Amino acid sequence: MNTTAAVPAAGNKKKKIIGALGCVAALLIGYFAYESFVYVTTDNAQIEAHSVMLASKVSGFVIEVKAKEGAKVKKGDILVEIDKRDYQNTVQQMKSELTSLQARRADTEKNYHRIQELFSKGAVSQQQYDATTASYSDIKAKFEAVSAQVSQAELNLENTIIKAPSDGFVAKRSVEDGQLASPGVPLIGFVGAEERWVTANFKETEIDVIKIGARVEIEVDAVTSKQFHGTVESISSATGATFTLLPPDNATGNFTKVVQRVPVKIKLEALSADDIDLLRAGLSANVKVHKH
């Protein structure tokens, strides 16, 4: 009698499990159906920021690197100093030459105005007037040329100090004390702190439902404690493959259709200074764009 009673109990338990699993499956189907109806999503997205590799405009030995990787800096903070003695000497030399030319120009200018006045009265010949005019023009041109050289020398001297272009972070340091800096060779990887945005790459079949100004929800893999919000700011007019170094050539006869991705720029809204610190350039993100 106990055996007979146990069979219906086991059957009821099995039915309850199957029913529960059915409910879970129905909920999951409903959830994914709702998600696909309300949002278009992608996990092919990254945090972006204004980033630049800072390089020296002049050559010279680095005497001090004040930038530390990961450090937060203010606009105008000194990051790298290059030995400036050669450039200081050049400035002094050019200024001395400019001072000499300035005195000669002032004397030649007085003589030119005097000869001009005498020529207007017929007291000097055309030849004397032309010679004086040529001499004055020559000295004036030399003065302007050396003046420009002084300005360039002062600019070179100023460029021996590399400063932070804005508030931001030192992301990479590729220079050490004593290293010879060369013009155009990157020394500091710099990331600005003013703005963050998301570049999300959507399938070409999804772009038609994405509108400028649409609301967006963003989850960042590295920041699990907070969900971010934004709006669609722009949709690229070209796919990501268009500007690659070697774009695909579909005229070779070996065409295989690949679903292309179109970059969409998403502006992050209401970011605090702490949010900026957390949202490092290049972090992966999951993006949900509202369709309606």
C-alpha atoms as a PDB file:
ATOM      1  CA  MET A   1       0.000   0.000   0.000  1.00  0.00           C
ATOM      2  CA  ASN A   2       2.899   2.368   0.697  1.00  0.00           C
ATOM      3  CA  THR A   3       4.400   1.488  -2.718  1.00  0.00           C
ATOM      4  CA  THR A   4       1.169   2.351  -4.517  1.00  0.00           C
ATOM      5  CA  ALA A   5       0.966   5.752  -2.790  1.00  0.00           C
ATOM      6  CA  ALA A   6       4.589   6.568  -3.647  1.00  0.00           C
ATOM      7  CA  VAL A   7       4.012   6.211  -7.408  1.00  0.00           C
ATOM      8  CA  PRO A   8       1.462   9.069  -7.732  1.00  0.00           C
ATOM      9  CA  ALA A   9       3.651  11.262  -5.476  1.00  0.00           C
ATOM     10  CA  ALA A  10       6.671  10.731  -7.743  1.00  0.00           C
ATOM     11  CA  GLY A  11       4.535  11.461 -10.801  1.00  0.00           C
ATOM     12  CA  ASN A  12       3.247  14.679  -9.287  1.00  0.00           C
ATOM     13  CA  LYS A  13       6.793  15.757  -8.449  1.00  0.00           C
ATOM     14  CA  LYS A  14       7.914  15.107 -12.014  1.00  0.00           C
ATOM     15  CA  LYS A  15       4.977  17.076 -13.375  1.00  0.00           C
ATOM     16  CA  LYS A  16       5.845  20.020 -11.100  1.00  0.00           C
ATOM     17  CA  ILE A  17       9.471  20.004 -12.316  1.00  0.00           C
ATOM     18  CA  ILE A  18       8.383  19.892 -15.942  1.00  0.00           C
ATOM     19  CA  GLY A  19       5.890  22.681 -15.303  1.00  0.00           C
ATOM     20  CA  ALA A  20       8.540  24.814 -13.614  1.00  0.00           C
ATOM     21  CA  LEU A  21      10.949  24.267 -16.490  1.00  0.00           C
ATOM     22  CA  GLY A  22       8.195  25.185 -18.916  1.00  0.00           C
ATOM     23  CA  CYS A  23       7.546  28.417 -17.024  1.00  0.00           C
ATOM     24  CA  VAL A  24      11.248  29.275 -17.054  1.00  0.00           C
ATOM     25  CA  ALA A  25      11.467  28.562 -20.780  1.00  0.00           C
ATOM     26  CA  ALA A  26       8.384  30.695 -21.426  1.00  0.00           C
ATOM     27  CA  LEU A  27       9.842  33.536 -19.379  1.00  0.00           C
ATOM     28  CA  LEU A  28      13.130  33.323 -21.260  1.00  0.00           C
ATOM     29  CA  ILE A  29      11.370  33.304 -24.614  1.00  0.00           C
ATOM     30  CA  GLY A  30       9.262  36.254 -23.556  1.00  0.00           C
ATOM     31  CA  TYR A  31      12.308  38.128 -22.294  1.00  0.00           C
ATOM     32  CA  PHE A  32      14.303  37.645 -25.496  1.00  0.00           C
ATOM     33  CA  ALA A  33      11.259  38.504 -27.588  1.00  0.00           C
ATOM     34  CA  TYR A  34      10.802  41.713 -25.598  1.00  0.00           C
ATOM     35  CA  GLU A  35      14.522  42.549 -25.895  1.00  0.00           C
ATOM     36  CA  SER A  36      14.530  42.035 -29.666  1.00  0.00           C
ATOM     37  CA  PHE A  37      11.380  44.143 -30.038  1.00  0.00           C
ATOM     38  CA  VAL A  38      12.557  47.060 -27.874  1.00  0.00           C
ATOM     39  CA  TYR A  39      16.350  47.106 -28.408  1.00  0.00           C
ATOM     40  CA  VAL A  40      19.031  46.454 -30.970  1.00  0.00           C
ATOM     41  CA  THR A  41      22.116  45.230 -29.130  1.00  0.00           C
ATOM     42  CA  THR A  42      25.786  44.517 -29.696  1.00  0.00           C
ATOM     43  CA  ASP A  43      28.794  43.585 -27.591  1.00  0.00           C
ATOM     44  CA  ASN A  44      31.170  44.794 -30.307  1.00  0.00           C
ATOM     45  CA  ALA A  45      31.698  48.181 -28.687  1.00  0.00           C
ATOM     46  CA  GLN A  46      34.508  50.071 -26.993  1.00  0.00           C
ATOM     47  CA  ILE A  47      34.986  53.118 -24.805  1.00  0.00           C
ATOM     48  CA  GLU A  48      36.691  55.913 -26.726  1.00  0.00           C
ATOM     49  CA  ALA A  49      38.514  59.067 -25.613  1.00  0.00           C
ATOM     50  CA  HIS A  50      40.659  61.819 -27.065  1.00  0.00           C
ATOM     51  CA  SER A  51      44.078  60.188 -27.086  1.00  0.00           C
ATOM     52  CA  VAL A  52      47.354  61.257 -28.659  1.00  0.00           C
ATOM     53  CA  MET A  53      51.006  60.304 -28.728  1.00  0.00           C
ATOM     54  CA  LEU A  54      52.995  63.345 -27.612  1.00  0.00           C
ATOM     55  CA  ALA A  55      56.303  63.807 -29.419  1.00  0.00           C
ATOM     56  CA  SER A  56      59.095  66.354 -29.284  1.00  0.00           C
ATOM     57  CA  LYS A  57      59.352  69.024 -31.980  1.00  0.00           C
ATOM     58  CA  VAL A  58      63.082  69.456 -31.333  1.00  0.00           C
ATOM     59  CA  SER A  59      65.997  67.095 -30.796  1.00  0.00           C
ATOM     60  CA  GLY A  60      68.057  66.874 -27.630  1.00  0.00           C
ATOM     61  CA  PHE A  61      68.881  64.808 -24.594  1.00  0.00           C
ATOM     62  CA  VAL A  62      66.066  64.279 -22.100  1.00  0.00           C
ATOM     63  CA  ILE A  63      67.160  65.632 -18.725  1.00  0.00           C
ATOM     64  CA  GLU A  64      64.003  64.790 -16.754  1.00  0.00           C
ATOM     65  CA  VAL A  65      60.803  62.798 -17.253  1.00  0.00           C
ATOM     66  CA  LYS A  66      58.191  64.001 -14.781  1.00  0.00           C
ATOM     67  CA  ALA A  67      55.325  61.944 -16.164  1.00  0.00           C
ATOM     68  CA  LYS A  68      54.475  58.655 -14.478  1.00  0.00           C
ATOM     69  CA  GLU A  69      52.316  56.046 -16.159  1.00  0.00           C
ATOM     70  CA  GLY A  70      48.755  56.230 -14.918  1.00  0.00           C
ATOM     71  CA  ALA A  71      49.233  59.687 -13.414  1.00  0.00           C
ATOM     72  CA  LYS A  72      46.451  62.234 -13.662  1.00  0.00           C
ATOM     73  CA  VAL A  73      47.725  65.610 -14.837  1.00  0.00           C
ATOM     74  CA  LYS A  74      46.393  69.103 -15.408  1.00  0.00           C
ATOM     75  CA  LYS A  75      46.634  71.159 -18.568  1.00  0.00           C
ATOM     76  CA  GLY A  76      50.082  72.742 -18.796  1.00  0.00           C
ATOM     77  CA  ASP A  77      51.797  70.337 -16.400  1.00  0.00           C
ATOM     78  CA  ILE A  78      55.363  69.568 -17.489  1.00  0.00           C
ATOM     79  CA  LEU A  79      55.762  65.976 -18.653  1.00  0.00           C
ATOM     80  CA  VAL A  80      59.240  65.907 -20.234  1.00  0.00           C
ATOM     81  CA  GLU A  81      62.174  68.332 -20.210  1.00  0.00           C
ATOM     82  CA  ILE A  82      64.861  68.358 -22.917  1.00  0.00           C
ATOM     83  CA  ASP A  83      68.300  69.937 -22.472  1.00  0.00           C
ATOM     84  CA  LYS A  84      67.757  73.561 -23.509  1.00  0.00           C
ATOM     85  CA  ARG A  85      71.305  74.964 -23.392  1.00  0.00           C
ATOM     86  CA  ASP A  86      71.936  74.742 -27.147  1.00  0.00           C
ATOM     87  CA  TYR A  87      68.657  76.500 -27.842  1.00  0.00           C
ATOM     88  CA  GLN A  88      69.347  79.199 -25.243  1.00  0.00           C
ATOM     89  CA  ASN A  89      72.699  79.916 -26.908  1.00  0.00           C
ATOM     90  CA  THR A  90      71.027  80.162 -30.305  1.00  0.00           C
ATOM     91  CA  VAL A  91      68.454  82.629 -28.963  1.00  0.00           C
ATOM     92  CA  GLN A  92      71.175  84.830 -27.450  1.00  0.00           C
ATOM     93  CA  GLN A  93      73.196  84.752 -30.655  1.00  0.00           C
ATOM     94  CA  MET A  94      70.235  85.661 -32.837  1.00  0.00           C
ATOM     95  CA  LYS A  95      69.129  88.437 -30.475  1.00  0.00           C
ATOM     96  CA  SER A  96      72.624  89.971 -30.568  1.00  0.00           C
ATOM     97  CA  GLU A  97      72.558  89.961 -34.359  1.00  0.00           C
ATOM     98  CA  LEU A  98      69.073  91.464 -34.323  1.00  0.00           C
ATOM     99  CA  THR A  99      70.207  94.268 -31.990  1.00  0.00           C
ATOM    100  CA  SER A 100      73.066  95.117 -34.357  1.00  0.00           C
ATOM    101  CA  LEU A 101      70.739  95.146 -37.363  1.00  0.00           C
ATOM    102  CA  GLN A 102      68.234  97.247 -35.468  1.00  0.00           C
ATOM    103  CA  ALA A 103      70.829  99.964 -34.941  1.00  0.00           C
ATOM    104  CA  ARG A 104      71.894  99.832 -38.597  1.00  0.00           C
ATOM    105  CA  ARG A 105      68.266  99.932 -39.714  1.00  0.00           C
ATOM    106  CA  ALA A 106      67.549 103.014 -37.606  1.00  0.00           C
ATOM    107  CA  ASP A 107      70.608 104.826 -39.046  1.00  0.00           C
ATOM    108  CA  THR A 108      69.779 103.779 -42.615  1.00  0.00           C
ATOM    109  CA  GLU A 109      66.161 104.844 -42.192  1.00  0.00           C
ATOM    110  CA  LYS A 110      67.181 108.336 -41.045  1.00  0.00           C
ATOM    111  CA  ASN A 111      69.535 108.655 -44.002  1.00  0.00           C
ATOM    112  CA  TYR A 112      66.814 107.437 -46.374  1.00  0.00           C
ATOM    113  CA  HIS A 113      64.295 110.045 -45.184  1.00  0.00           C
ATOM    114  CA  ARG A 114      66.942 112.772 -45.412  1.00  0.00           C
ATOM    115  CA  ILE A 115      67.908 111.812 -48.978  1.00  0.00           C
ATOM    116  CA  GLN A 116      64.222 111.492 -49.912  1.00  0.00           C
ATOM    117  CA  GLU A 117      63.577 115.053 -48.750  1.00  0.00           C
ATOM    118  CA  LEU A 118      66.631 116.372 -50.590  1.00  0.00           C
ATOM    119  CA  PHE A 119      65.646 114.473 -53.737  1.00  0.00           C
ATOM    120  CA  SER A 120      62.189 116.061 -53.657  1.00  0.00           C
ATOM    121  CA  LYS A 121      63.930 119.466 -53.677  1.00  0.00           C
ATOM    122  CA  GLY A 122      66.293 118.452 -56.488  1.00  0.00           C
ATOM    123  CA  ALA A 123      69.370 118.661 -54.243  1.00  0.00           C
ATOM    124  CA  VAL A 124      70.547 115.071 -54.920  1.00  0.00           C
ATOM    125  CA  SER A 125      70.691 112.960 -58.041  1.00  0.00           C
ATOM    126  CA  GLN A 126      68.456 110.071 -58.989  1.00  0.00           C
ATOM    127  CA  GLN A 127      71.430 107.736 -58.609  1.00  0.00           C
ATOM    128  CA  GLN A 128      72.040 108.786 -54.988  1.00  0.00           C
ATOM    129  CA  TYR A 129      68.362 108.422 -54.173  1.00  0.00           C
ATOM    130  CA  ASP A 130      68.183 104.919 -55.746  1.00  0.00           C
ATOM    131  CA  ALA A 131      71.323 103.764 -53.907  1.00  0.00           C
ATOM    132  CA  THR A 132      69.968 104.989 -50.573  1.00  0.00           C
ATOM    133  CA  THR A 133      66.588 103.358 -51.213  1.00  0.00           C
ATOM    134  CA  ALA A 134      68.223 100.027 -52.103  1.00  0.00           C
ATOM    135  CA  SER A 135      70.426 100.147 -48.995  1.00  0.00           C
ATOM    136  CA  TYR A 136      67.442 100.880 -46.761  1.00  0.00           C
ATOM    137  CA  SER A 137      65.361  98.088 -48.328  1.00  0.00           C
ATOM    138  CA  ASP A 138      68.261  95.635 -47.927  1.00  0.00           C
ATOM    139  CA  ILE A 139      68.775  96.403 -44.229  1.00  0.00           C
ATOM    140  CA  LYS A 140      65.033  96.280 -43.590  1.00  0.00           C
ATOM    141  CA  ALA A 141      64.733  92.847 -45.250  1.00  0.00           C
ATOM    142  CA  LYS A 142      67.702  91.509 -43.255  1.00  0.00           C
ATOM    143  CA  PHE A 143      66.180  92.811 -40.027  1.00  0.00           C
ATOM    144  CA  GLU A 144      62.849  91.109 -40.746  1.00  0.00           C
ATOM    145  CA  ALA A 145      64.611  87.832 -41.641  1.00  0.00           C
ATOM    146  CA  VAL A 146      66.677  87.792 -38.455  1.00  0.00           C
ATOM    147  CA  SER A 147      63.594  88.803 -36.442  1.00  0.00           C
ATOM    148  CA  ALA A 148      61.824  85.725 -37.798  1.00  0.00           C
ATOM    149  CA  GLN A 149      64.857  83.598 -36.917  1.00  0.00           C
ATOM    150  CA  VAL A 150      64.735  84.938 -33.348  1.00  0.00           C
ATOM    151  CA  SER A 151      61.061  84.000 -33.100  1.00  0.00           C
ATOM    152  CA  GLN A 152      61.848  80.491 -34.385  1.00  0.00           C
ATOM    153  CA  ALA A 153      64.758  80.121 -31.957  1.00  0.00           C
ATOM    154  CA  GLU A 154      62.513  81.166 -29.058  1.00  0.00           C
ATOM    155  CA  LEU A 155      59.876  78.702 -30.220  1.00  0.00           C
ATOM    156  CA  ASN A 156      62.467  75.904 -30.341  1.00  0.00           C
ATOM    157  CA  LEU A 157      63.548  76.823 -26.823  1.00  0.00           C
ATOM    158  CA  GLU A 158      59.934  76.706 -25.658  1.00  0.00           C
ATOM    159  CA  ASN A 159      59.511  73.287 -27.296  1.00  0.00           C
ATOM    160  CA  THR A 160      62.209  71.763 -25.105  1.00  0.00           C
ATOM    161  CA  ILE A 161      59.445  71.415 -22.515  1.00  0.00           C
ATOM    162  CA  ILE A 162      56.615  69.016 -23.354  1.00  0.00           C
ATOM    163  CA  LYS A 163      53.430  69.886 -21.486  1.00  0.00           C
ATOM    164  CA  ALA A 164      50.051  68.232 -21.055  1.00  0.00           C
ATOM    165  CA  PRO A 165      47.747  69.609 -23.783  1.00  0.00           C
ATOM    166  CA  SER A 166      44.710  69.304 -21.496  1.00  0.00           C
ATOM    167  CA  ASP A 167      43.554  67.671 -18.278  1.00  0.00           C
ATOM    168  CA  GLY A 168      44.058  63.959 -18.653  1.00  0.00           C
ATOM    169  CA  PHE A 169      46.104  60.851 -17.939  1.00  0.00           C
ATOM    170  CA  VAL A 170      49.552  59.580 -18.842  1.00  0.00           C
ATOM    171  CA  ALA A 171      48.644  56.237 -20.395  1.00  0.00           C
ATOM    172  CA  LYS A 172      52.052  55.224 -21.750  1.00  0.00           C
ATOM    173  CA  ARG A 173      55.613  56.393 -21.183  1.00  0.00           C
ATOM    174  CA  SER A 174      58.172  55.623 -23.881  1.00  0.00           C
ATOM    175  CA  VAL A 175      61.041  57.830 -22.710  1.00  0.00           C
ATOM    176  CA  GLU A 176      63.687  57.748 -19.995  1.00  0.00           C
ATOM    177  CA  ASP A 177      66.144  60.256 -18.537  1.00  0.00           C
ATOM    178  CA  GLY A 178      69.202  60.599 -20.751  1.00  0.00           C
ATOM    179  CA  GLN A 179      67.456  59.388 -23.885  1.00  0.00           C
ATOM    180  CA  LEU A 180      68.016  61.312 -27.111  1.00  0.00           C
ATOM    181  CA  ALA A 181      64.681  62.702 -28.262  1.00  0.00           C
ATOM    182  CA  SER A 182      64.117  63.123 -31.981  1.00  0.00           C
ATOM    183  CA  PRO A 183      61.434  65.241 -33.660  1.00  0.00           C
ATOM    184  CA  GLY A 184      58.248  63.298 -34.309  1.00  0.00           C
ATOM    185  CA  VAL A 185      59.200  60.222 -32.253  1.00  0.00           C
ATOM    186  CA  PRO A 186      56.413  59.487 -29.701  1.00  0.00           C
ATOM    187  CA  LEU A 187      57.398  59.901 -26.058  1.00  0.00           C
ATOM    188  CA  ILE A 188      54.156  59.990 -24.053  1.00  0.00           C
ATOM    189  CA  GLY A 189      50.794  58.339 -24.673  1.00  0.00           C
ATOM    190  CA  PHE A 190      48.200  60.841 -23.423  1.00  0.00           C
ATOM    191  CA  VAL A 191      44.450  60.400 -22.859  1.00  0.00           C
ATOM    192  CA  GLY A 192      42.275  63.456 -22.287  1.00  0.00           C
ATOM    193  CA  ALA A 193      39.835  63.679 -19.388  1.00  0.00           C
ATOM    194  CA  GLU A 194      37.186  65.943 -20.922  1.00  0.00           C
ATOM    195  CA  GLU A 195      35.028  63.445 -22.765  1.00  0.00           C
ATOM    196  CA  ARG A 196      34.193  59.772 -23.187  1.00  0.00           C
ATOM    197  CA  TRP A 197      32.043  58.143 -25.825  1.00  0.00           C
ATOM    198  CA  VAL A 198      31.283  54.676 -27.163  1.00  0.00           C
ATOM    199  CA  THR A 199      31.907  53.381 -30.654  1.00  0.00           C
ATOM    200  CA  ALA A 200      29.528  50.479 -31.249  1.00  0.00           C
ATOM    201  CA  ASN A 201      29.792  48.365 -34.396  1.00  0.00           C
ATOM    202  CA  PHE A 202      26.360  47.179 -35.537  1.00  0.00           C
ATOM    203  CA  LYS A 203      25.551  44.767 -38.323  1.00  0.00           C
ATOM    204  CA  GLU A 204      24.534  46.403 -41.575  1.00  0.00           C
ATOM    205  CA  THR A 205      21.146  44.675 -41.267  1.00  0.00           C
ATOM    206  CA  GLU A 206      20.472  46.526 -37.994  1.00  0.00           C
ATOM    207  CA  ILE A 207      21.365  50.067 -39.011  1.00  0.00           C
ATOM    208  CA  ASP A 208      17.946  50.894 -40.459  1.00  0.00           C
ATOM    209  CA  VAL A 209      16.317  50.803 -37.003  1.00  0.00           C
ATOM    210  CA  ILE A 210      18.949  53.014 -35.330  1.00  0.00           C
ATOM    211  CA  LYS A 211      18.097  56.711 -35.305  1.00  0.00           C
ATOM    212  CA  ILE A 212      20.114  59.780 -34.354  1.00  0.00           C
ATOM    213  CA  GLY A 213      19.159  60.815 -30.816  1.00  0.00           C
ATOM    214  CA  ALA A 214      17.926  57.354 -29.817  1.00  0.00           C
ATOM    215  CA  ARG A 215      18.372  56.471 -26.145  1.00  0.00           C
ATOM    216  CA  VAL A 216      21.116  53.988 -25.330  1.00  0.00           C
ATOM    217  CA  GLU A 217      21.948  51.858 -22.318  1.00  0.00           C
ATOM    218  CA  ILE A 218      25.594  50.866 -21.865  1.00  0.00           C
ATOM    219  CA  GLU A 219      27.190  48.277 -19.641  1.00  0.00           C
ATOM    220  CA  VAL A 220      30.974  48.235 -19.339  1.00  0.00           C
ATOM    221  CA  ASP A 221      32.643  44.914 -18.583  1.00  0.00           C
ATOM    222  CA  ALA A 222      35.176  46.525 -16.237  1.00  0.00           C
ATOM    223  CA  VAL A 223      32.561  48.577 -14.341  1.00  0.00           C
ATOM    224  CA  THR A 224      29.934  46.130 -13.137  1.00  0.00           C
ATOM    225  CA  SER A 225      28.550  48.416 -10.438  1.00  0.00           C
ATOM    226  CA  LYS A 226      26.912  50.927 -12.750  1.00  0.00           C
ATOM    227  CA  GLN A 227      24.900  51.194 -15.938  1.00  0.00           C
ATOM    228  CA  PHE A 228      25.621  54.187 -18.165  1.00  0.00           C
ATOM    229  CA  HIS A 229      23.258  56.075 -20.431  1.00  0.00           C
ATOM    230  CA  GLY A 230      23.708  57.966 -23.659  1.00  0.00           C
ATOM    231  CA  THR A 231      22.290  58.892 -27.030  1.00  0.00           C
ATOM    232  CA  VAL A 232      23.205  58.037 -30.607  1.00  0.00           C
ATOM    233  CA  GLU A 233      25.257  60.990 -31.856  1.00  0.00           C
ATOM    234  CA  SER A 234      26.224  59.843 -35.347  1.00  0.00           C
ATOM    235  CA  ILE A 235      26.205  56.875 -37.697  1.00  0.00           C
ATOM    236  CA  SER A 236      29.233  56.382 -39.918  1.00  0.00           C
ATOM    237  CA  SER A 237      28.724  56.750 -43.643  1.00  0.00           C
ATOM    238  CA  ALA A 238      31.132  53.852 -44.268  1.00  0.00           C
ATOM    239  CA  THR A 239      31.650  50.375 -42.878  1.00  0.00           C
ATOM    240  CA  GLY A 240      34.636  49.552 -40.740  1.00  0.00           C
ATOM    241  CA  ALA A 241      36.297  47.659 -43.601  1.00  0.00           C
ATOM    242  CA  THR A 242      36.292  50.664 -45.927  1.00  0.00           C
ATOM    243  CA  PHE A 243      39.300  52.406 -44.381  1.00  0.00           C
ATOM    244  CA  THR A 244      41.411  49.379 -43.537  1.00  0.00           C
ATOM    245  CA  LEU A 245      44.953  49.287 -44.862  1.00  0.00           C
ATOM    246  CA  LEU A 246      44.046  46.571 -47.373  1.00  0.00           C
ATOM    247  CA  PRO A 247      40.302  46.790 -48.082  1.00  0.00           C
ATOM    248  CA  PRO A 248      38.763  43.628 -49.547  1.00  0.00           C
ATOM    249  CA  ASP A 249      38.721  43.423 -53.329  1.00  0.00           C
ATOM    250  CA  ASN A 250      35.466  41.781 -54.363  1.00  0.00           C
ATOM    251  CA  ALA A 251      36.337  41.941 -58.067  1.00  0.00           C
ATOM    252  CA  THR A 252      38.746  38.993 -57.872  1.00  0.00           C
ATOM    253  CA  GLY A 253      36.048  36.398 -58.370  1.00  0.00           C
ATOM    254  CA  ASN A 254      36.540  34.888 -54.912  1.00  0.00           C
ATOM    255  CA  PHE A 255      33.672  36.790 -53.353  1.00  0.00           C
ATOM    256  CA  THR A 256      32.266  35.539 -50.060  1.00  0.00           C
ATOM    257  CA  LYS A 257      29.525  37.612 -48.531  1.00  0.00           C
ATOM    258  CA  VAL A 258      30.354  38.833 -45.031  1.00  0.00           C
ATOM    259  CA  VAL A 259      27.950  40.860 -42.926  1.00  0.00           C
ATOM    260  CA  GLN A 260      29.623  44.247 -42.564  1.00  0.00           C
ATOM    261  CA  ARG A 261      29.752  46.332 -39.407  1.00  0.00           C
ATOM    262  CA  VAL A 262      28.895  50.031 -39.301  1.00  0.00           C
ATOM    263  CA  PRO A 263      30.392  52.193 -36.504  1.00  0.00           C
ATOM    264  CA  VAL A 264      27.891  54.167 -34.440  1.00  0.00           C
ATOM    265  CA  LYS A 265      29.088  56.927 -32.104  1.00  0.00           C
ATOM    266  CA  ILE A 266      27.230  57.089 -28.796  1.00  0.00           C
ATOM    267  CA  LYS A 267      27.552  60.113 -26.558  1.00  0.00           C
ATOM    268  CA  LEU A 268      27.723  59.242 -22.853  1.00  0.00           C
ATOM    269  CA  GLU A 269      25.634  61.490 -20.650  1.00  0.00           C
ATOM    270  CA  ALA A 270      25.877  62.781 -17.070  1.00  0.00           C
ATOM    271  CA  LEU A 271      29.398  61.509 -16.462  1.00  0.00           C
ATOM    272  CA  SER A 272      31.085  62.517 -13.218  1.00  0.00           C
ATOM    273  CA  ALA A 273      34.823  62.926 -12.699  1.00  0.00           C
ATOM    274  CA  ASP A 274      34.858  59.504 -11.038  1.00  0.00           C
ATOM    275  CA  ASP A 275      33.131  58.003 -14.074  1.00  0.00           C
ATOM    276  CA  ILE A 276      35.808  59.486 -16.337  1.00  0.00           C
ATOM    277  CA  ASP A 277      38.484  57.859 -14.177  1.00  0.00           C
ATOM    278  CA  LEU A 278      36.766  54.472 -14.460  1.00  0.00           C
ATOM    279  CA  LEU A 279      36.041  54.593 -18.180  1.00  0.00           C
ATOM    280  CA  ARG A 280      39.449  53.911 -19.654  1.00  0.00           C
ATOM    281  CA  ALA A 281      39.843  54.138 -23.413  1.00  0.00           C
ATOM    282  CA  GLY A 282      39.508  50.767 -25.112  1.00  0.00           C
ATOM    283  CA  LEU A 283      37.316  49.037 -22.521  1.00  0.00           C
ATOM    284  CA  SER A 284      34.725  46.633 -23.890  1.00  0.00           C
ATOM    285  CA  ALA A 285      31.059  47.521 -23.580  1.00  0.00           C
ATOM    286  CA  ASN A 286      27.617  46.058 -24.223  1.00  0.00           C
ATOM    287  CA  VAL A 287      25.236  48.438 -25.948  1.00  0.00           C
ATOM    288  CA  LYS A 288      21.429  48.443 -26.147  1.00  0.00           C
ATOM    289  CA  VAL A 289      19.869  51.040 -28.452  1.00  0.00           C
ATOM    290  CA  HIS A 290      16.154  51.747 -28.097  1.00  0.00           C
ATOM    291  CA  LYS A 291      14.289  51.162 -31.346  1.00  0.00           C
ATOM    292  CA  HIS A 292      11.281  53.256 -30.404  1.00  0.00           C
END
